[in-house]
Amino acid sequence: MQYSFDLNKNKLAVKFLAMATLLLMLGGCFPSNDLARQEYLMQGKTMGTTYNIKVVGENIDTVKLQQGIDEKLKQLNQEMSTYINDSELSTFNQSTSLEPISVSPGLSRVLKEAIRLGKLSEGALDVTVGPLVNLWGFGPEYRPETVPSNELLALTKARIGLDKLVFEQGMLSKSIPDLYVDLSTIAKGYGVDLVAEFIEANGINNYLVEIGGEMRIKGFKHTGELWHVAIEKPLSNERAVHQIIIPKDNAVATSGDYRIYFEADGQRFSHIIDPKTGKPINHKLVSVTVIHPSSMTADGLSTAMMVMGEEKALAFAEANGLAVYIIAKTEHGFVEQSTVKFMQYLK
């Protein structure tokens, strides 16, 4: 979702992912000679949150594997954190130069996808929206006691926009000196992809990778059963299962606006900022779940569709052949809808 987060210090999460992992059961097994495989759990901290990784196999050296995972995640932070002053992205943000600079392969990959999704969503996903997030009190700076004035809103809006960010042939530049890029809307998703790719490169093809709610799954549990995932009910005061899904070999990202908000002048303001209006979203959509092969892509898409609202999000998802499940709030309770492509994953 559209607000700043600390890739290291957990000041705010990149986006609230209303997701709980349930290790439930389903038929569908390994070949019989694989049923003796073990399930190994690795846990740790990264990007201001925690990770939980399960791998399935025989005689896996999890100490060595986790060391490699931690190195990958450390490198990601050094490239993309906006809280590490000398990170690659922080250096770009702090500079007032308009000259192009070369960027690392990792940062290049994420920037390319962020810009692609921004264009695809017609600006609903915008990685330059940080100043507006801070203005409304969802960044690390302060929490306003009153709604920002129209004048201040207009001044802040003038500092954002993907049209002010140029990325071509691995070279990054800005068209205004104070442009600020925050990749938090897709960085955790990228981290999940990075870890999953590393695990597969080590010959492991049955795993569950979860970082701060972002998830990517492949293969089976050690029992031969498929991994199951629960989408939470969009409630601010409790955690409960709303729907069980079977993602198969895919990533899952869920975005919602029902737990992070503030109240001022008698109004409730969501932490999700619409880059076009410069204001918090104001519609009935409360949760979007996306299933996609890439966690980074699912992450960004779920954010974009939360900005769009119910009708536009569903139309966008169907038009682009996406597996999407949405929950909207009505005066009679919650209403769920899904795209045709999502239905195959419902339990």
Foldseek 3Di string as FASTA:
>chain_A
DPEFAFQAAQPDALFQFQWDFDQDFDDFFDPPVLLQWAKDWDKDDGGNFIKIKIFTGPPDPVVVLVVVLVVLRVLLCLAAGCPPCNRVQNVQQPFLDQDWDAGDPLVLVLVVLQLVLCVLLVNLRFQQLHLLLVQCPNYNPHHDQAHDDPVVLVVSLVQGDPVQWDADPRITGGNGRNGHGHSSLQSVLSSQVSSVVSCVVVVTFAMWIDTSNKIFGEAPHSNGGATKIFRFDLAQPDTDGDFIWGLYGWIKTKGFFRHDWDDHPRDTATSQARSVVSGGADAFWGMKMWIGRGSSNRSSLNSSLVNVYDPVSQVSCQVVVTWMKTWGADPVGIDIDTHPNVVVTGD
